[in-house]
Protein backbone atom coordinates (compact mmCIF):
# COMPACT_ATOMS: atom_id res chain seq x y z
CA MET A 1 18.26 -16.15 -6.06
CA GLU A 2 18.69 -12.87 -4.19
CA TYR A 3 15.49 -10.87 -3.75
CA VAL A 4 15.17 -7.27 -2.58
CA VAL A 5 11.85 -6.28 -1.00
CA LYS A 6 11.09 -2.55 -1.13
CA ILE A 7 9.13 -1.32 1.88
CA PRO A 8 8.87 1.93 3.90
CA ALA A 9 11.48 2.33 6.63
CA VAL A 10 8.76 2.65 9.28
CA ASN A 11 7.94 -1.05 8.74
CA GLY A 12 11.33 -2.03 10.17
CA ASP A 13 12.04 -5.69 9.34
CA VAL A 14 8.35 -6.67 9.12
CA ILE A 15 7.32 -7.49 5.54
CA SER A 16 3.76 -7.86 4.29
CA LEU A 17 3.20 -11.15 2.47
CA VAL A 18 1.50 -9.10 -0.26
CA HIS A 19 4.80 -7.25 -0.81
CA LEU A 20 6.63 -10.56 -0.75
CA GLY A 21 4.49 -12.00 -3.53
CA THR A 22 4.90 -8.84 -5.62
CA CYS A 23 8.67 -8.96 -5.15
CA MET A 24 8.96 -12.57 -6.29
CA ALA A 25 6.63 -12.09 -9.26
CA SER A 26 8.50 -8.92 -10.33
CA ALA A 27 11.81 -10.76 -10.27
CA HIS A 28 10.33 -13.52 -12.42
CA ALA A 29 8.93 -10.91 -14.84
CA THR A 30 12.47 -9.62 -15.51
CA ALA A 31 13.98 -13.13 -15.81
CA TYR A 32 15.66 -12.34 -12.48
CA GLY A 33 17.25 -9.13 -13.68
CA LYS A 34 18.27 -10.24 -17.16
CA THR A 35 15.47 -8.64 -19.22
CA ALA A 36 13.14 -5.65 -19.18
CA PHE A 37 9.98 -5.98 -17.09
CA HIS A 38 7.39 -8.13 -18.86
CA GLU A 39 3.85 -7.23 -17.77
CA GLN A 40 2.13 -10.36 -19.05
CA ARG A 41 4.71 -12.63 -17.43
CA PHE A 42 4.19 -10.79 -14.15
CA GLN A 43 0.41 -11.19 -14.32
CA SER A 44 0.67 -14.88 -15.21
CA CYS A 45 2.87 -15.78 -12.22
CA PHE A 46 1.67 -13.28 -9.59
CA ARG A 47 -1.27 -15.47 -8.57
CA ARG A 48 0.88 -18.62 -8.35
CA PHE A 49 3.36 -16.92 -6.01
CA ASP A 50 0.53 -15.61 -3.78
CA GLU A 51 -1.04 -19.06 -3.50
CA PHE A 52 2.35 -20.70 -2.82
CA ILE A 53 3.26 -18.21 -0.06
CA LEU A 54 -0.14 -18.54 1.64
CA GLU A 55 0.06 -22.35 1.55
CA GLU A 56 3.54 -22.26 3.10
CA ALA A 57 2.33 -19.91 5.84
CA GLN A 58 -0.78 -21.95 6.63
CA ALA A 59 1.26 -25.16 6.75
CA GLY A 60 3.62 -23.55 9.25
CA TRP A 61 6.71 -23.73 7.06
CA LEU A 62 6.90 -19.93 6.92
CA GLN A 63 6.73 -18.33 10.39
CA VAL A 64 4.37 -15.38 10.11
CA CYS A 65 3.41 -12.49 12.38
CA ASN A 66 0.95 -9.61 12.48
CA ASP A 67 1.75 -6.10 11.26
CA ILE A 68 3.56 -5.14 14.48
CA GLY A 69 5.72 -8.28 14.48
CA ARG A 70 3.79 -10.42 16.98
CA PRO A 71 4.15 -14.09 15.91
CA GLY A 72 1.31 -16.55 15.53
CA THR A 73 -0.08 -19.13 13.15
CA ALA A 74 -1.57 -17.92 9.89
CA ASP A 75 -5.07 -18.94 10.97
CA GLU A 76 -4.72 -17.22 14.38
CA ILE A 77 -3.67 -13.94 12.79
CA ILE A 78 -6.33 -14.05 10.08
CA ASN A 79 -9.04 -14.82 12.65
CA ALA A 80 -7.81 -11.99 14.89
CA VAL A 81 -8.17 -9.54 12.00
CA LYS A 82 -11.66 -10.89 11.25
CA LYS A 83 -12.72 -10.31 14.84
CA SER A 84 -11.14 -6.88 15.23
CA ARG A 85 -12.29 -5.20 12.02
CA GLY A 86 -13.27 -7.83 9.47
CA LEU A 87 -11.51 -8.60 6.21
CA LEU A 88 -11.53 -5.89 3.55
CA GLU A 89 -13.19 -7.45 0.51
CA THR A 90 -10.89 -7.73 -2.49
CA ARG A 91 -11.94 -9.03 -5.88
CA ARG A 92 -9.97 -10.47 -8.78
CA TYR A 93 -10.72 -10.77 -12.47
CA ILE A 94 -11.70 -14.28 -13.54
CA VAL A 95 -9.82 -13.58 -16.76
CA GLU A 96 -7.05 -11.02 -16.30
CA PRO A 97 -7.55 -7.98 -18.60
CA ASP A 98 -4.90 -7.13 -21.16
CA TRP A 99 -3.27 -4.33 -19.15
CA VAL A 100 -0.58 -3.64 -21.76
CA ARG A 101 -3.23 -2.88 -24.39
CA LEU A 102 -5.34 -0.91 -21.91
CA ARG A 103 -2.40 1.31 -20.92
CA LYS A 104 -1.87 2.16 -24.58
CA GLU A 105 -5.55 2.91 -25.14
CA HIS A 106 -5.99 4.75 -21.80
CA PRO A 107 -2.68 6.42 -20.88
CA PRO A 108 -2.29 6.70 -17.08
CA SER A 109 -2.50 10.05 -15.30
CA PRO A 110 0.61 11.47 -13.58
CA SER A 111 -0.45 9.59 -10.42
CA GLY A 112 -0.46 6.30 -12.37
CA GLU A 113 -4.25 5.83 -12.56
CA MET A 114 -6.08 4.88 -15.76
CA ASP A 115 -9.55 6.25 -16.45
CA LEU A 116 -11.43 3.03 -17.24
CA GLN A 117 -14.96 4.30 -16.70
CA GLY A 118 -17.29 2.55 -19.13
CA VAL A 119 -14.70 -0.12 -20.03
CA ASP A 120 -15.91 -3.70 -19.53
CA LEU A 121 -13.04 -5.48 -17.80
CA GLY A 122 -14.95 -8.73 -17.37
CA PRO A 123 -16.45 -10.56 -14.38
CA THR A 124 -14.76 -10.71 -10.98
CA GLU A 125 -14.79 -13.00 -7.95
CA ILE A 126 -13.83 -12.60 -4.29
CA ASP A 127 -10.07 -13.10 -3.87
CA LEU A 128 -9.71 -14.86 -0.51
CA VAL A 129 -6.02 -15.57 -1.15
CA TYR A 130 -5.19 -11.87 -1.35
CA MET A 131 -7.52 -11.00 1.54
CA HIS A 132 -5.72 -13.51 3.78
CA LEU A 133 -2.26 -12.42 2.62
CA GLU A 134 -3.09 -8.83 3.60
CA CYS A 135 -3.42 -9.99 7.22
CA LEU A 136 -0.05 -11.75 7.29
CA HIS A 137 3.50 -10.47 7.66
CA VAL A 138 6.92 -12.00 8.19
CA LYS A 139 10.11 -10.84 9.89
CA LEU A 140 13.19 -10.77 7.68
CA HIS A 141 15.14 -13.42 9.63
CA HIS A 142 12.19 -15.83 9.52
CA LEU A 143 11.81 -15.17 5.81
CA ASN A 144 15.44 -16.06 5.17
CA GLU A 145 15.18 -19.21 7.30
CA TRP A 146 12.31 -20.29 5.06
CA ALA A 147 14.07 -19.24 1.82
CA LYS A 148 17.45 -20.93 2.45
CA VAL A 149 15.94 -24.36 1.74
CA ARG A 150 15.65 -23.29 -1.91
CA GLY A 151 18.94 -21.39 -1.92
CA ASP A 152 17.21 -17.97 -1.90
CA THR A 153 18.00 -14.89 0.22
CA PHE A 154 15.97 -11.76 0.92
CA SER A 155 17.00 -8.25 1.91
CA ILE A 156 15.08 -5.02 2.51
CA SER A 157 15.49 -1.74 0.64
CA HIS A 158 13.83 1.61 1.34
CA ASP A 159 15.35 3.25 -1.75
CA GLY A 160 12.81 4.63 -4.22
CA VAL A 161 9.82 3.86 -2.02
CA VAL A 162 7.33 6.68 -2.56
CA TRP A 163 5.87 7.56 0.82
CA LEU A 164 5.86 10.64 2.98
CA GLU A 165 7.61 9.45 6.14
CA GLY A 166 10.70 10.30 4.12
CA TYR A 167 11.29 12.15 0.89
CA VAL A 168 12.25 10.59 -2.43
CA LYS A 169 14.89 12.52 -4.35
CA ASN A 170 16.79 11.23 -7.38
CA GLY A 171 15.49 7.75 -6.68
CA LYS A 172 16.74 7.75 -3.08
CA LEU A 173 14.79 7.92 0.13
CA GLU A 174 16.28 10.64 2.30
CA SER A 175 14.94 11.00 5.80
CA GLU A 176 16.15 11.50 9.33
CA ILE A 177 13.62 8.90 10.41
CA CYS A 178 15.24 6.10 8.42
CA GLY A 179 18.73 7.21 9.44
CA CYS A 180 19.81 8.61 6.09
CA ASN A 181 21.78 11.77 5.61
CA SER A 182 19.94 14.28 3.49
CA ASP A 183 21.48 17.00 1.38
CA MET A 184 18.11 18.04 0.01
CA GLU A 185 16.77 21.56 0.16
CA GLN A 186 14.55 22.47 3.10
CA LEU A 187 10.99 21.24 2.64
CA PRO A 188 8.28 23.80 2.00
CA PRO A 189 5.67 24.17 4.79
CA ALA A 190 3.11 21.96 3.05
CA ALA A 191 5.65 19.16 2.65
CA GLU A 192 6.65 19.43 6.30
CA ALA A 193 3.00 19.19 7.28
CA ALA A 194 2.60 16.18 4.99
CA VAL A 195 5.38 14.36 6.84
CA LYS A 196 3.52 14.96 10.13
CA GLY A 197 0.14 13.96 8.70
CA VAL A 198 -3.23 13.66 10.42
CA THR A 199 -4.72 10.78 12.41
CA THR A 200 -7.12 8.07 11.28
CA GLY A 201 -9.84 9.69 13.38
CA GLU A 202 -9.29 13.08 11.76
CA ILE A 203 -9.40 11.52 8.28
CA ASP A 204 -12.66 9.80 9.17
CA MET A 205 -14.06 13.08 10.55
CA ALA A 206 -13.13 14.99 7.39
CA PHE A 207 -13.77 12.44 4.64
CA GLY A 208 -15.69 9.52 6.16
CA GLY A 209 -19.14 10.93 5.53
CA LEU A 210 -18.26 11.98 1.97
CA VAL A 211 -17.22 8.59 0.64
CA SER A 212 -19.67 6.39 -1.23
CA ASN A 213 -19.66 2.58 -1.46
CA MET A 214 -17.19 1.94 1.38
CA LYS A 215 -16.62 2.51 5.10
CA LEU A 216 -13.44 4.55 4.98
CA LYS A 217 -12.26 4.10 8.56
CA LYS A 218 -12.67 0.33 8.35
CA ALA A 219 -10.89 0.24 4.99
CA MET A 220 -7.92 2.11 6.52
CA GLY A 221 -7.27 -0.74 8.97
CA ASP A 222 -4.34 -3.17 9.12
CA GLY A 223 -5.15 -4.82 5.80
CA ALA A 224 -5.62 -1.60 3.82
CA THR A 225 -5.28 -1.93 0.05
CA LYS A 226 -2.33 -0.53 -1.90
CA TRP A 227 -3.93 2.77 -2.91
CA LEU A 228 -4.80 3.51 0.72
CA LEU A 229 -1.37 2.49 1.98
CA ASP A 230 0.18 5.00 -0.43
CA ALA A 231 -1.38 7.72 1.75
CA ARG A 232 -0.30 6.24 5.08
CA ILE A 233 2.70 7.92 6.69
CA SER A 234 3.09 5.66 9.70
CA LYS A 235 1.29 2.77 11.34
CA GLY A 236 -0.56 3.09 14.60
CA SER A 237 0.11 0.97 17.67
CA PRO A 238 -2.40 -0.62 20.06
CA GLY A 239 -2.72 -0.35 23.83
CA ARG A 240 -2.86 2.44 26.39
CA GLU A 241 0.46 3.86 25.21
CA GLY A 242 -0.43 3.40 21.57
CA HIS A 243 -1.18 6.01 18.92
CA GLN A 244 -3.24 6.29 15.76
CA ALA A 245 -1.79 5.85 12.30
CA GLN A 246 -0.78 9.03 10.48
CA TRP A 247 -2.04 9.81 6.98
CA ASN A 248 -1.39 12.33 4.23
CA PRO A 249 -4.84 13.81 3.51
CA LEU A 250 -3.82 15.27 0.16
CA ILE A 251 -2.79 11.91 -1.31
CA LEU A 252 -5.89 10.28 0.13
CA ALA A 253 -8.24 12.97 -1.22
CA VAL A 254 -6.76 12.67 -4.72
CA ALA A 255 -7.14 8.88 -4.60
CA LEU A 256 -10.77 9.14 -3.46
CA CYS A 257 -11.57 11.55 -6.28
CA GLU A 258 -9.80 9.50 -8.97
CA ARG A 259 -11.73 6.40 -7.91
CA ASN A 260 -15.04 8.28 -7.98
CA LEU A 261 -15.55 7.63 -4.27
CA ALA A 262 -15.91 11.35 -3.51
CA THR A 263 -16.36 14.47 -5.64
CA LYS A 264 -13.99 17.42 -5.91
CA ARG A 265 -16.67 19.73 -4.57
CA VAL A 266 -17.23 17.90 -1.27
CA LEU A 267 -13.49 17.29 -0.78
CA SER A 268 -12.76 20.99 -1.31
CA ARG A 269 -15.39 21.79 1.31
CA ALA A 270 -13.71 19.40 3.73
CA PHE A 271 -10.32 21.11 3.34
CA LEU A 272 -12.00 24.45 4.13
CA ASP A 273 -14.12 23.22 7.04
CA HIS A 274 -11.46 21.42 9.08
CA SER A 275 -8.63 23.41 10.63
CA PHE A 276 -6.34 20.36 10.85
CA LEU A 277 -6.31 20.27 7.01
CA ALA A 278 -5.24 23.91 6.69
CA ASP A 279 -1.63 23.07 5.76
CA TRP A 280 -2.82 21.22 2.67
CA ARG A 281 -5.43 23.70 1.36
CA GLU A 282 -3.26 25.49 -1.19
CA GLU A 283 -1.78 22.27 -2.52
CA TRP A 284 -5.27 20.76 -2.83
CA LYS A 285 -6.35 23.77 -4.92
CA GLU A 286 -3.52 23.00 -7.34
CA GLN A 287 -4.24 19.26 -7.39
CA GLU A 288 -7.98 19.60 -8.02
CA LYS A 289 -7.32 21.51 -11.25
CA ASN A 290 -5.98 18.26 -12.73
CA LEU A 291 -8.81 16.08 -11.49
CA ILE A 292 -11.89 15.27 -13.53
């Protein structure tokens, strides 16, 4: 089977094991490209793929690395993350909700979020499998060495990945950074600013004190969850010559508001109070009109 893993170009050839599990489950949910995507099939096999990948990594059959490509055993990398920032708690439903029915009853917003306030989705438990997978990555050549035993191959695609290091147009990622030629129109000032982004420290300064029920800066670490990663433009790098990760504050502010982690009022104040958010003020004014 030939798998294509979709990741941002800034990741290079380093693939998160979370993305790997999603890729394999998605392929299974389309009968490996022969049918339309089947949500229930995806949900039923997603967990099995995650558990299988983690077991292979912990047994040493799959050579893993950290998010900057430094190799190590699965336990070494997981323990290093625990010591540096701690694991970001992730929970899973004991019985998976019927997402197909819920999407019909609660149509998603343009950003893809469903308003499920007041809906009982059932009990949850800590998902250690996912929390450990978030710490682990694999380089493409090591992934293919592992996969060839089963006759599988993996490749990487940046096409259609929605992130702001590049710019998605007509389903294609066009960006000088990923080496693509772009025939797109010149970006408006706000979009250019979004590509540059702001640092983790600036995000924490602007939004950290406004967020309830979570420590934002800690949550934005190496194992950040999907909705936070959607706002990340580029990863940081450690050491004296390193630099902080870059983030799009507009995407992050919208996500915080939609998840009821911060109110529109306090976020609007933050955009006004901090000069480094000036490039996004007008766009935030437009976005907040659509937020509850």
